[in-house]
Amino acid sequence: MRRGGWHVLRDGAVLVLTRQVPPRFDVVAAGRFPTVRRERLATQIRQDLWRALQGQRGFSPVVEVTDRGDFVEVRAGGRVAAGGFDRAGLEARIEAVLAEPRNRARWLRCAGRAG
């Protein structure tokens, strides 16, 4: 399914939000969240990830949310089309976005409880 230029790929418990198919994680960080609506959570994370990394030439966000029953697991990052980039630095910035308490609280409010 494609919404507003973004592909929403579903395969069982896994949902992937990506601009380009196939999705690719050149940089990635992970986190855990309570069970919420996966697409809404992915959309919120994608927006903040883009805001944090929009200065990175060639960056295209990818967010994968996997339902693990009692929680959801998130892999956030994406594709970097530009050659020569600081992988460790970008992954640290992604981890900071995922760990920011205000981000997490807003994401969970927006994503609500899964039904």
PDB file of N, CA and C in Angstrom:
ATOM      1  N   MET A   1       0.851  -1.169   0.000  1.00  0.00           N
ATOM      2  CA  MET A   1       0.000   0.000   0.000  1.00  0.00           C
ATOM      3  C   MET A   1       0.901   1.237   0.000  1.00  0.00           C
ATOM      4  N   ARG A   2       0.490   2.272  -0.695  1.00  0.00           N
ATOM      5  CA  ARG A   2       1.271   3.502  -0.783  1.00  0.00           C
ATOM      6  C   ARG A   2       0.406   4.668  -0.326  1.00  0.00           C
ATOM      7  N   ARG A   3       0.915   5.453   0.609  1.00  0.00           N
ATOM      8  CA  ARG A   3       0.182   6.606   1.142  1.00  0.00           C
ATOM      9  C   ARG A   3       1.075   7.836   1.096  1.00  0.00           C
ATOM     10  N   GLY A   4       0.672   8.823   0.321  1.00  0.00           N
ATOM     11  CA  GLY A   4       1.399  10.077   0.282  1.00  0.00           C
ATOM     12  C   GLY A   4       2.856   9.917  -0.082  1.00  0.00           C
ATOM     13  N   GLY A   5       3.173   8.997  -0.964  1.00  0.00           N
ATOM     14  CA  GLY A   5       4.562   8.784  -1.361  1.00  0.00           C
ATOM     15  C   GLY A   5       5.314   7.799  -0.485  1.00  0.00           C
ATOM     16  N   TRP A   6       4.672   7.302   0.555  1.00  0.00           N
ATOM     17  CA  TRP A   6       5.304   6.338   1.465  1.00  0.00           C
ATOM     18  C   TRP A   6       4.684   4.968   1.280  1.00  0.00           C
ATOM     19  N   HIS A   7       5.513   3.952   1.265  1.00  0.00           N
ATOM     20  CA  HIS A   7       5.051   2.572   1.183  1.00  0.00           C
ATOM     21  C   HIS A   7       4.848   2.053   2.609  1.00  0.00           C
ATOM     22  N   VAL A   8       3.716   1.407   2.833  1.00  0.00           N
ATOM     23  CA  VAL A   8       3.437   0.733   4.093  1.00  0.00           C
ATOM     24  C   VAL A   8       3.401  -0.752   3.763  1.00  0.00           C
ATOM     25  N   LEU A   9       4.442  -1.453   4.171  1.00  0.00           N
ATOM     26  CA  LEU A   9       4.574  -2.875   3.868  1.00  0.00           C
ATOM     27  C   LEU A   9       4.209  -3.669   5.118  1.00  0.00           C
ATOM     28  N   ARG A  10       3.331  -4.658   4.956  1.00  0.00           N
ATOM     29  CA  ARG A  10       2.922  -5.498   6.080  1.00  0.00           C
ATOM     30  C   ARG A  10       3.218  -6.956   5.760  1.00  0.00           C
ATOM     31  N   ASP A  11       3.814  -7.622   6.730  1.00  0.00           N
ATOM     32  CA  ASP A  11       4.080  -9.050   6.607  1.00  0.00           C
ATOM     33  C   ASP A  11       3.895  -9.663   7.990  1.00  0.00           C
ATOM     34  N   GLY A  12       2.678 -10.090   8.282  1.00  0.00           N
ATOM     35  CA  GLY A  12       2.377 -10.657   9.596  1.00  0.00           C
ATOM     36  C   GLY A  12       2.543  -9.608  10.682  1.00  0.00           C
ATOM     37  N   ALA A  13       3.443  -9.873  11.617  1.00  0.00           N
ATOM     38  CA  ALA A  13       3.660  -8.989  12.755  1.00  0.00           C
ATOM     39  C   ALA A  13       4.537  -7.789  12.425  1.00  0.00           C
ATOM     40  N   VAL A  14       5.072  -7.741  11.207  1.00  0.00           N
ATOM     41  CA  VAL A  14       6.023  -6.691  10.836  1.00  0.00           C
ATOM     42  C   VAL A  14       5.375  -5.658   9.922  1.00  0.00           C
ATOM     43  N   LEU A  15       5.542  -4.384  10.265  1.00  0.00           N
ATOM     44  CA  LEU A  15       5.110  -3.270   9.432  1.00  0.00           C
ATOM     45  C   LEU A  15       6.342  -2.431   9.117  1.00  0.00           C
ATOM     46  N   VAL A  16       6.515  -2.070   7.853  1.00  0.00           N
ATOM     47  CA  VAL A  16       7.636  -1.227   7.438  1.00  0.00           C
ATOM     48  C   VAL A  16       7.091  -0.010   6.712  1.00  0.00           C
ATOM     49  N   LEU A  17       7.555   1.156   7.118  1.00  0.00           N
ATOM     50  CA  LEU A  17       7.220   2.418   6.481  1.00  0.00           C
ATOM     51  C   LEU A  17       8.482   2.903   5.772  1.00  0.00           C
ATOM     52  N   THR A  18       8.397   3.061   4.453  1.00  0.00           N
ATOM     53  CA  THR A  18       9.583   3.416   3.673  1.00  0.00           C
ATOM     54  C   THR A  18       9.196   4.224   2.447  1.00  0.00           C
ATOM     55  N   ARG A  19      10.086   5.045   2.001  1.00  0.00           N
ATOM     56  CA  ARG A  19       9.859   5.823   0.774  1.00  0.00           C
ATOM     57  C   ARG A  19      10.215   4.960  -0.439  1.00  0.00           C
ATOM     58  N   GLN A  20      11.262   4.156  -0.312  1.00  0.00           N
ATOM     59  CA  GLN A  20      11.758   3.372  -1.442  1.00  0.00           C
ATOM     60  C   GLN A  20      11.679   1.880  -1.145  1.00  0.00           C
ATOM     61  N   VAL A  21      11.323   1.128  -2.164  1.00  0.00           N
ATOM     62  CA  VAL A  21      11.246  -0.326  -2.057  1.00  0.00           C
ATOM     63  C   VAL A  21      12.313  -0.916  -2.964  1.00  0.00           C
ATOM     64  N   PRO A  22      13.081  -1.863  -2.468  1.00  0.00           N
ATOM     65  CA  PRO A  22      13.010  -2.457  -1.125  1.00  0.00           C
ATOM     66  C   PRO A  22      13.606  -1.519  -0.070  1.00  0.00           C
ATOM     67  N   PRO A  23      13.106  -1.646   1.166  1.00  0.00           N
ATOM     68  CA  PRO A  23      13.668  -0.836   2.240  1.00  0.00           C
ATOM     69  C   PRO A  23      15.107  -1.266   2.519  1.00  0.00           C
ATOM     70  N   ARG A  24      15.906  -0.301   2.942  1.00  0.00           N
ATOM     71  CA  ARG A  24      17.317  -0.622   3.217  1.00  0.00           C
ATOM     72  C   ARG A  24      17.751   0.151   4.458  1.00  0.00           C
ATOM     73  N   PHE A  25      18.442  -0.547   5.355  1.00  0.00           N
ATOM     74  CA  PHE A  25      18.962   0.063   6.575  1.00  0.00           C
ATOM     75  C   PHE A  25      20.476   0.202   6.456  1.00  0.00           C
ATOM     76  N   ASP A  26      20.931   1.350   5.938  1.00  0.00           N
ATOM     77  CA  ASP A  26      22.367   1.646   5.950  1.00  0.00           C
ATOM     78  C   ASP A  26      22.786   2.082   7.345  1.00  0.00           C
ATOM     79  N   VAL A  27      21.867   2.737   8.053  1.00  0.00           N
ATOM     80  CA  VAL A  27      22.049   3.121   9.455  1.00  0.00           C
ATOM     81  C   VAL A  27      20.801   2.675  10.200  1.00  0.00           C
ATOM     82  N   VAL A  28      20.979   2.268  11.471  1.00  0.00           N
ATOM     83  CA  VAL A  28      19.828   1.741  12.217  1.00  0.00           C
ATOM     84  C   VAL A  28      20.067   1.842  13.716  1.00  0.00           C
ATOM     85  N   ALA A  29      18.981   2.017  14.451  1.00  0.00           N
ATOM     86  CA  ALA A  29      18.967   1.931  15.905  1.00  0.00           C
ATOM     87  C   ALA A  29      17.642   1.270  16.275  1.00  0.00           C
ATOM     88  N   ALA A  30      17.567   0.742  17.486  1.00  0.00           N
ATOM     89  CA  ALA A  30      16.369  -0.011  17.876  1.00  0.00           C
ATOM     90  C   ALA A  30      15.848   0.461  19.220  1.00  0.00           C
ATOM     91  N   GLY A  31      14.572   0.179  19.440  1.00  0.00           N
ATOM     92  CA  GLY A  31      13.941   0.496  20.714  1.00  0.00           C
ATOM     93  C   GLY A  31      12.703  -0.358  20.927  1.00  0.00           C
ATOM     94  N   ARG A  32      12.199  -0.332  22.165  1.00  0.00           N
ATOM     95  CA  ARG A  32      10.984  -1.064  22.535  1.00  0.00           C
ATOM     96  C   ARG A  32       9.932  -0.088  23.013  1.00  0.00           C
ATOM     97  N   PHE A  33       8.689  -0.420  22.722  1.00  0.00           N
ATOM     98  CA  PHE A  33       7.565   0.421  23.116  1.00  0.00           C
ATOM     99  C   PHE A  33       6.410  -0.477  23.548  1.00  0.00           C
ATOM    100  N   PRO A  34       5.473   0.069  24.338  1.00  0.00           N
ATOM    101  CA  PRO A  34       4.268  -0.707  24.646  1.00  0.00           C
ATOM    102  C   PRO A  34       3.521  -1.016  23.341  1.00  0.00           C
ATOM    103  N   THR A  35       2.633  -1.963  23.389  1.00  0.00           N
ATOM    104  CA  THR A  35       1.852  -2.326  22.208  1.00  0.00           C
ATOM    105  C   THR A  35       0.903  -1.187  21.852  1.00  0.00           C
ATOM    106  N   VAL A  36       1.136  -0.596  20.675  1.00  0.00           N
ATOM    107  CA  VAL A  36       0.326   0.514  20.171  1.00  0.00           C
ATOM    108  C   VAL A  36       0.045   0.257  18.694  1.00  0.00           C
ATOM    109  N   ARG A  37      -0.705   1.172  18.077  1.00  0.00           N
ATOM    110  CA  ARG A  37      -0.982   1.037  16.648  1.00  0.00           C
ATOM    111  C   ARG A  37       0.315   1.270  15.887  1.00  0.00           C
ATOM    112  N   ARG A  38       0.759   0.250  15.196  1.00  0.00           N
ATOM    113  CA  ARG A  38       2.090   0.245  14.582  1.00  0.00           C
ATOM    114  C   ARG A  38       2.274   1.300  13.509  1.00  0.00           C
ATOM    115  N   GLU A  39       1.298   1.490  12.637  1.00  0.00           N
ATOM    116  CA  GLU A  39       1.465   2.451  11.553  1.00  0.00           C
ATOM    117  C   GLU A  39       1.562   3.881  12.090  1.00  0.00           C
ATOM    118  N   ARG A  40       0.756   4.198  13.082  1.00  0.00           N
ATOM    119  CA  ARG A  40       0.830   5.537  13.671  1.00  0.00           C
ATOM    120  C   ARG A  40       2.163   5.769  14.357  1.00  0.00           C
ATOM    121  N   LEU A  41       2.633   4.768  15.085  1.00  0.00           N
ATOM    122  CA  LEU A  41       3.938   4.879  15.740  1.00  0.00           C
ATOM    123  C   LEU A  41       5.039   5.070  14.697  1.00  0.00           C
ATOM    124  N   ALA A  42       5.015   4.266  13.645  1.00  0.00           N
ATOM    125  CA  ALA A  42       6.026   4.370  12.593  1.00  0.00           C
ATOM    126  C   ALA A  42       6.012   5.746  11.945  1.00  0.00           C
ATOM    127  N   THR A  43       4.834   6.281  11.713  1.00  0.00           N
ATOM    128  CA  THR A  43       4.709   7.598  11.083  1.00  0.00           C
ATOM    129  C   THR A  43       5.288   8.685  11.978  1.00  0.00           C
ATOM    130  N   GLN A  44       4.983   8.633  13.262  1.00  0.00           N
ATOM    131  CA  GLN A  44       5.505   9.629  14.190  1.00  0.00           C
ATOM    132  C   GLN A  44       7.030   9.562  14.279  1.00  0.00           C
ATOM    133  N   ILE A  45       7.561   8.361  14.379  1.00  0.00           N
ATOM    134  CA  ILE A  45       9.015   8.202  14.458  1.00  0.00           C
ATOM    135  C   ILE A  45       9.659   8.685  13.168  1.00  0.00           C
ATOM    136  N   ARG A  46       9.084   8.332  12.044  1.00  0.00           N
ATOM    137  CA  ARG A  46       9.630   8.753  10.747  1.00  0.00           C
ATOM    138  C   ARG A  46       9.717  10.269  10.656  1.00  0.00           C
ATOM    139  N   GLN A  47       8.682  10.963  11.102  1.00  0.00           N
ATOM    140  CA  GLN A  47       8.675  12.426  11.039  1.00  0.00           C
ATOM    141  C   GLN A  47       9.797  13.031  11.877  1.00  0.00           C
ATOM    142  N   ASP A  48       9.963  12.543  13.100  1.00  0.00           N
ATOM    143  CA  ASP A  48      11.015  13.093  13.955  1.00  0.00           C
ATOM    144  C   ASP A  48      12.407  12.682  13.481  1.00  0.00           C
ATOM    145  N   LEU A  49      12.512  11.499  12.933  1.00  0.00           N
ATOM    146  CA  LEU A  49      13.789  11.051  12.373  1.00  0.00           C
ATOM    147  C   LEU A  49      14.191  11.950  11.203  1.00  0.00           C
ATOM    148  N   TRP A  50      13.231  12.265  10.357  1.00  0.00           N
ATOM    149  CA  TRP A  50      13.509  13.149   9.225  1.00  0.00           C
ATOM    150  C   TRP A  50      13.947  14.529   9.724  1.00  0.00           C
ATOM    151  N   ARG A  51      13.240  15.057  10.717  1.00  0.00           N
ATOM    152  CA  ARG A  51      13.604  16.377  11.251  1.00  0.00           C
ATOM    153  C   ARG A  51      15.035  16.374  11.785  1.00  0.00           C
ATOM    154  N   ALA A  52      15.404  15.308  12.471  1.00  0.00           N
ATOM    155  CA  ALA A  52      16.734  15.230  13.085  1.00  0.00           C
ATOM    156  C   ALA A  52      17.845  15.032  12.059  1.00  0.00           C
ATOM    157  N   LEU A  53      17.536  14.369  10.944  1.00  0.00           N
ATOM    158  CA  LEU A  53      18.592  14.003   9.991  1.00  0.00           C
ATOM    159  C   LEU A  53      18.430  14.616   8.613  1.00  0.00           C
ATOM    160  N   GLN A  54      17.535  15.596   8.463  1.00  0.00           N
ATOM    161  CA  GLN A  54      17.295  16.154   7.130  1.00  0.00           C
ATOM    162  C   GLN A  54      18.523  16.821   6.532  1.00  0.00           C
ATOM    163  N   GLY A  55      19.478  17.181   7.362  1.00  0.00           N
ATOM    164  CA  GLY A  55      20.715  17.764   6.837  1.00  0.00           C
ATOM    165  C   GLY A  55      21.677  16.733   6.264  1.00  0.00           C
ATOM    166  N   GLN A  56      21.395  15.451   6.491  1.00  0.00           N
ATOM    167  CA  GLN A  56      22.252  14.395   5.962  1.00  0.00           C
ATOM    168  C   GLN A  56      21.910  14.154   4.497  1.00  0.00           C
ATOM    169  N   ARG A  57      22.819  14.497   3.642  1.00  0.00           N
ATOM    170  CA  ARG A  57      22.609  14.348   2.206  1.00  0.00           C
ATOM    171  C   ARG A  57      22.293  12.886   1.851  1.00  0.00           C
ATOM    172  N   GLY A  58      21.216  12.708   1.073  1.00  0.00           N
ATOM    173  CA  GLY A  58      20.848  11.384   0.584  1.00  0.00           C
ATOM    174  C   GLY A  58      20.123  10.497   1.574  1.00  0.00           C
ATOM    175  N   PHE A  59      19.710  11.047   2.736  1.00  0.00           N
ATOM    176  CA  PHE A  59      19.045  10.223   3.750  1.00  0.00           C
ATOM    177  C   PHE A  59      17.567  10.053   3.437  1.00  0.00           C
ATOM    178  N   SER A  60      17.079   8.812   3.559  1.00  0.00           N
ATOM    179  CA  SER A  60      15.668   8.485   3.389  1.00  0.00           C
ATOM    180  C   SER A  60      15.259   7.560   4.537  1.00  0.00           C
ATOM    181  N   PRO A  61      14.355   8.011   5.430  1.00  0.00           N
ATOM    182  CA  PRO A  61      14.001   7.218   6.608  1.00  0.00           C
ATOM    183  C   PRO A  61      13.276   5.912   6.285  1.00  0.00           C
ATOM    184  N   VAL A  62      13.535   4.928   7.128  1.00  0.00           N
ATOM    185  CA  VAL A  62      12.817   3.653   7.112  1.00  0.00           C
ATOM    186  C   VAL A  62      12.526   3.310   8.571  1.00  0.00           C
ATOM    187  N   VAL A  63      11.276   2.930   8.850  1.00  0.00           N
ATOM    188  CA  VAL A  63      10.906   2.518  10.202  1.00  0.00           C
ATOM    189  C   VAL A  63      10.208   1.170  10.114  1.00  0.00           C
ATOM    190  N   GLU A  64      10.705   0.231  10.897  1.00  0.00           N
ATOM    191  CA  GLU A  64      10.124  -1.116  10.965  1.00  0.00           C
ATOM    192  C   GLU A  64       9.593  -1.321  12.381  1.00  0.00           C
ATOM    193  N   VAL A  65       8.325  -1.729  12.488  1.00  0.00           N
ATOM    194  CA  VAL A  65       7.706  -1.973  13.796  1.00  0.00           C
ATOM    195  C   VAL A  65       7.210  -3.421  13.808  1.00  0.00           C
ATOM    196  N   THR A  66       7.711  -4.188  14.771  1.00  0.00           N
ATOM    197  CA  THR A  66       7.354  -5.604  14.878  1.00  0.00           C
ATOM    198  C   THR A  66       6.573  -5.840  16.164  1.00  0.00           C
ATOM    199  N   ASP A  67       5.396  -6.438  16.032  1.00  0.00           N
ATOM    200  CA  ASP A  67       4.558  -6.768  17.188  1.00  0.00           C
ATOM    201  C   ASP A  67       5.128  -8.024  17.842  1.00  0.00           C
ATOM    202  N   ARG A  68       5.560  -7.882  19.087  1.00  0.00           N
ATOM    203  CA  ARG A  68       6.117  -9.010  19.847  1.00  0.00           C
ATOM    204  C   ARG A  68       5.146  -9.504  20.917  1.00  0.00           C
ATOM    205  N   GLY A  69       3.875  -9.121  20.803  1.00  0.00           N
ATOM    206  CA  GLY A  69       2.862  -9.563  21.771  1.00  0.00           C
ATOM    207  C   GLY A  69       2.714  -8.574  22.903  1.00  0.00           C
ATOM    208  N   ASP A  70       3.632  -8.603  23.869  1.00  0.00           N
ATOM    209  CA  ASP A  70       3.566  -7.715  25.031  1.00  0.00           C
ATOM    210  C   ASP A  70       4.161  -6.337  24.761  1.00  0.00           C
ATOM    211  N   PHE A  71       4.854  -6.173  23.648  1.00  0.00           N
ATOM    212  CA  PHE A  71       5.473  -4.903  23.290  1.00  0.00           C
ATOM    213  C   PHE A  71       5.698  -4.881  21.785  1.00  0.00           C
ATOM    214  N   VAL A  72       6.086  -3.716  21.266  1.00  0.00           N
ATOM    215  CA  VAL A  72       6.500  -3.632  19.868  1.00  0.00           C
ATOM    216  C   VAL A  72       7.972  -3.251  19.840  1.00  0.00           C
ATOM    217  N   GLU A  73       8.664  -3.814  18.896  1.00  0.00           N
ATOM    218  CA  GLU A  73      10.083  -3.534  18.702  1.00  0.00           C
ATOM    219  C   GLU A  73      10.225  -2.651  17.460  1.00  0.00           C
ATOM    220  N   VAL A  74      11.014  -1.599  17.576  1.00  0.00           N
ATOM    221  CA  VAL A  74      11.203  -0.648  16.481  1.00  0.00           C
ATOM    222  C   VAL A  74      12.654  -0.682  16.016  1.00  0.00           C
ATOM    223  N   ARG A  75      12.811  -0.746  14.703  1.00  0.00           N
ATOM    224  CA  ARG A  75      14.115  -0.495  14.076  1.00  0.00           C
ATOM    225  C   ARG A  75      13.916   0.751  13.236  1.00  0.00           C
ATOM    226  N   ALA A  76      14.683   1.781  13.532  1.00  0.00           N
ATOM    227  CA  ALA A  76      14.560   3.048  12.808  1.00  0.00           C
ATOM    228  C   ALA A  76      15.911   3.414  12.226  1.00  0.00           C
ATOM    229  N   GLY A  77      15.866   3.980  11.054  1.00  0.00           N
ATOM    230  CA  GLY A  77      17.098   4.385  10.387  1.00  0.00           C
ATOM    231  C   GLY A  77      16.771   4.668   8.950  1.00  0.00           C
ATOM    232  N   GLY A  78      17.550   4.066   8.068  1.00  0.00           N
ATOM    233  CA  GLY A  78      17.224   4.230   6.671  1.00  0.00           C
ATOM    234  C   GLY A  78      18.390   4.128   5.737  1.00  0.00           C
ATOM    235  N   ARG A  79      18.111   4.610   4.563  1.00  0.00           N
ATOM    236  CA  ARG A  79      19.015   4.559   3.430  1.00  0.00           C
ATOM    237  C   ARG A  79      19.808   5.862   3.376  1.00  0.00           C
ATOM    238  N   VAL A  80      21.091   5.773   3.060  1.00  0.00           N
ATOM    239  CA  VAL A  80      21.917   6.958   2.842  1.00  0.00           C
ATOM    240  C   VAL A  80      22.527   6.811   1.460  1.00  0.00           C
ATOM    241  N   ALA A  81      21.997   7.583   0.515  1.00  0.00           N
ATOM    242  CA  ALA A  81      22.424   7.466  -0.882  1.00  0.00           C
ATOM    243  C   ALA A  81      23.777   8.127  -1.127  1.00  0.00           C
ATOM    244  N   ALA A  82      24.132   9.097  -0.313  1.00  0.00           N
ATOM    245  CA  ALA A  82      25.402   9.800  -0.496  1.00  0.00           C
ATOM    246  C   ALA A  82      26.552   8.913  -0.034  1.00  0.00           C
ATOM    247  N   GLY A  83      27.641   8.952  -0.757  1.00  0.00           N
ATOM    248  CA  GLY A  83      28.811   8.175  -0.360  1.00  0.00           C
ATOM    249  C   GLY A  83      29.506   8.807   0.830  1.00  0.00           C
ATOM    250  N   GLY A  84      30.231   8.003   1.563  1.00  0.00           N
ATOM    251  CA  GLY A  84      31.026   8.483   2.677  1.00  0.00           C
ATOM    252  C   GLY A  84      30.230   9.226   3.733  1.00  0.00           C
ATOM    253  N   PHE A  85      29.669   8.514   4.671  1.00  0.00           N
ATOM    254  CA  PHE A  85      28.917   9.140   5.757  1.00  0.00           C
ATOM    255  C   PHE A  85      29.378   8.533   7.072  1.00  0.00           C
ATOM    256  N   ASP A  86      29.142   9.250   8.156  1.00  0.00           N
ATOM    257  CA  ASP A  86      29.548   8.836   9.499  1.00  0.00           C
ATOM    258  C   ASP A  86      28.479   7.913  10.095  1.00  0.00           C
ATOM    259  N   ARG A  87      28.633   6.618   9.871  1.00  0.00           N
ATOM    260  CA  ARG A  87      27.639   5.639  10.331  1.00  0.00           C
ATOM    261  C   ARG A  87      27.421   5.729  11.845  1.00  0.00           C
ATOM    262  N   ALA A  88      28.502   5.714  12.602  1.00  0.00           N
ATOM    263  CA  ALA A  88      28.379   5.734  14.067  1.00  0.00           C
ATOM    264  C   ALA A  88      27.704   7.018  14.537  1.00  0.00           C
ATOM    265  N   GLY A  89      28.052   8.141  13.939  1.00  0.00           N
ATOM    266  CA  GLY A  89      27.454   9.415  14.317  1.00  0.00           C
ATOM    267  C   GLY A  89      25.968   9.465  14.004  1.00  0.00           C
ATOM    268  N   LEU A  90      25.589   8.991  12.815  1.00  0.00           N
ATOM    269  CA  LEU A  90      24.173   8.973  12.444  1.00  0.00           C
ATOM    270  C   LEU A  90      23.383   8.024  13.338  1.00  0.00           C
ATOM    271  N   GLU A  91      23.962   6.854  13.627  1.00  0.00           N
ATOM    272  CA  GLU A  91      23.247   5.901  14.484  1.00  0.00           C
ATOM    273  C   GLU A  91      23.089   6.444  15.900  1.00  0.00           C
ATOM    274  N   ALA A  92      24.063   7.202  16.386  1.00  0.00           N
ATOM    275  CA  ALA A  92      23.942   7.825  17.703  1.00  0.00           C
ATOM    276  C   ALA A  92      22.823   8.867  17.700  1.00  0.00           C
ATOM    277  N   ARG A  93      22.699   9.609  16.618  1.00  0.00           N
ATOM    278  CA  ARG A  93      21.619  10.607  16.514  1.00  0.00           C
ATOM    279  C   ARG A  93      20.252   9.930  16.461  1.00  0.00           C
ATOM    280  N   ILE A  94      20.161   8.792  15.754  1.00  0.00           N
ATOM    281  CA  ILE A  94      18.899   8.046  15.688  1.00  0.00           C
ATOM    282  C   ILE A  94      18.544   7.503  17.069  1.00  0.00           C
ATOM    283  N   GLU A  95      19.535   6.945  17.766  1.00  0.00           N
ATOM    284  CA  GLU A  95      19.303   6.444  19.122  1.00  0.00           C
ATOM    285  C   GLU A  95      18.802   7.558  20.031  1.00  0.00           C
ATOM    286  N   ALA A  96      19.364   8.761  19.873  1.00  0.00           N
ATOM    287  CA  ALA A  96      18.937   9.892  20.700  1.00  0.00           C
ATOM    288  C   ALA A  96      17.476  10.265  20.418  1.00  0.00           C
ATOM    289  N   VAL A  97      17.075  10.224  19.155  1.00  0.00           N
ATOM    290  CA  VAL A  97      15.678  10.508  18.802  1.00  0.00           C
ATOM    291  C   VAL A  97      14.764   9.462  19.449  1.00  0.00           C
ATOM    292  N   LEU A  98      15.139   8.184  19.359  1.00  0.00           N
ATOM    293  CA  LEU A  98      14.309   7.105  19.924  1.00  0.00           C
ATOM    294  C   LEU A  98      14.243   7.155  21.448  1.00  0.00           C
ATOM    295  N   ALA A  99      15.301   7.632  22.090  1.00  0.00           N
ATOM    296  CA  ALA A  99      15.369   7.626  23.553  1.00  0.00           C
ATOM    297  C   ALA A  99      14.796   8.883  24.199  1.00  0.00           C
ATOM    298  N   GLU A 100      14.589   9.941  23.433  1.00  0.00           N
ATOM    299  CA  GLU A 100      14.112  11.223  23.979  1.00  0.00           C
ATOM    300  C   GLU A 100      12.742  11.045  24.639  1.00  0.00           C
ATOM    301  N   PRO A 101      12.653  11.261  25.954  1.00  0.00           N
ATOM    302  CA  PRO A 101      11.388  11.040  26.669  1.00  0.00           C
ATOM    303  C   PRO A 101      10.197  11.828  26.109  1.00  0.00           C
ATOM    304  N   ARG A 102      10.413  13.076  25.692  1.00  0.00           N
ATOM    305  CA  ARG A 102       9.296  13.863  25.143  1.00  0.00           C
ATOM    306  C   ARG A 102       8.809  13.283  23.827  1.00  0.00           C
ATOM    307  N   ASN A 103       9.735  12.816  22.993  1.00  0.00           N
ATOM    308  CA  ASN A 103       9.342  12.156  21.739  1.00  0.00           C
ATOM    309  C   ASN A 103       8.500  10.924  22.047  1.00  0.00           C
ATOM    310  N   ARG A 104       9.026  10.084  22.929  1.00  0.00           N
ATOM    311  CA  ARG A 104       8.352   8.825  23.247  1.00  0.00           C
ATOM    312  C   ARG A 104       6.937   9.071  23.784  1.00  0.00           C
ATOM    313  N   ALA A 105       6.802  10.037  24.674  1.00  0.00           N
ATOM    314  CA  ALA A 105       5.483  10.336  25.249  1.00  0.00           C
ATOM    315  C   ALA A 105       4.521  10.802  24.158  1.00  0.00           C
ATOM    316  N   ARG A 106       4.981  11.677  23.279  1.00  0.00           N
ATOM    317  CA  ARG A 106       4.126  12.177  22.195  1.00  0.00           C
ATOM    318  C   ARG A 106       3.762  11.048  21.239  1.00  0.00           C
ATOM    319  N   TRP A 107       4.730  10.217  20.881  1.00  0.00           N
ATOM    320  CA  TRP A 107       4.459   9.100  19.970  1.00  0.00           C
ATOM    321  C   TRP A 107       3.405   8.169  20.543  1.00  0.00           C
ATOM    322  N   LEU A 108       3.551   7.855  21.833  1.00  0.00           N
ATOM    323  CA  LEU A 108       2.608   6.921  22.456  1.00  0.00           C
ATOM    324  C   LEU A 108       1.218   7.520  22.571  1.00  0.00           C
ATOM    325  N   ARG A 109       1.139   8.816  22.844  1.00  0.00           N
ATOM    326  CA  ARG A 109      -0.179   9.476  22.870  1.00  0.00           C
ATOM    327  C   ARG A 109      -0.827   9.393  21.501  1.00  0.00           C
ATOM    328  N   CYS A 110      -0.065   9.672  20.475  1.00  0.00           N
ATOM    329  CA  CYS A 110      -0.599   9.686  19.115  1.00  0.00           C
ATOM    330  C   CYS A 110      -0.966   8.277  18.641  1.00  0.00           C
ATOM    331  N   ALA A 111      -0.125   7.310  18.969  1.00  0.00           N
ATOM    332  CA  ALA A 111      -0.345   5.946  18.485  1.00  0.00           C
ATOM    333  C   ALA A 111      -1.420   5.216  19.277  1.00  0.00           C
ATOM    334  N   GLY A 112      -1.669   5.640  20.516  1.00  0.00           N
ATOM    335  CA  GLY A 112      -2.706   5.012  21.316  1.00  0.00           C
ATOM    336  C   GLY A 112      -2.470   3.527  21.527  1.00  0.00           C
ATOM    337  N   ARG A 113      -3.373   2.922  22.169  1.00  0.00           N
ATOM    338  CA  ARG A 113      -3.312   1.477  22.404  1.00  0.00           C
ATOM    339  C   ARG A 113      -3.789   0.719  21.181  1.00  0.00           C
ATOM    340  N   ALA A 114      -3.146  -0.393  20.914  1.00  0.00           N
ATOM    341  CA  ALA A 114      -3.578  -1.256  19.793  1.00  0.00           C
ATOM    342  C   ALA A 114      -4.912  -1.890  20.159  1.00  0.00           C
ATOM    343  N   GLY A 115      -5.774  -2.010  19.165  1.00  0.00           N
ATOM    344  CA  GLY A 115      -7.110  -2.543  19.431  1.00  0.00           C
ATOM    345  C   GLY A 115      -7.256  -3.993  19.222  1.00  0.00           C
TER     346      GLY A 115
END
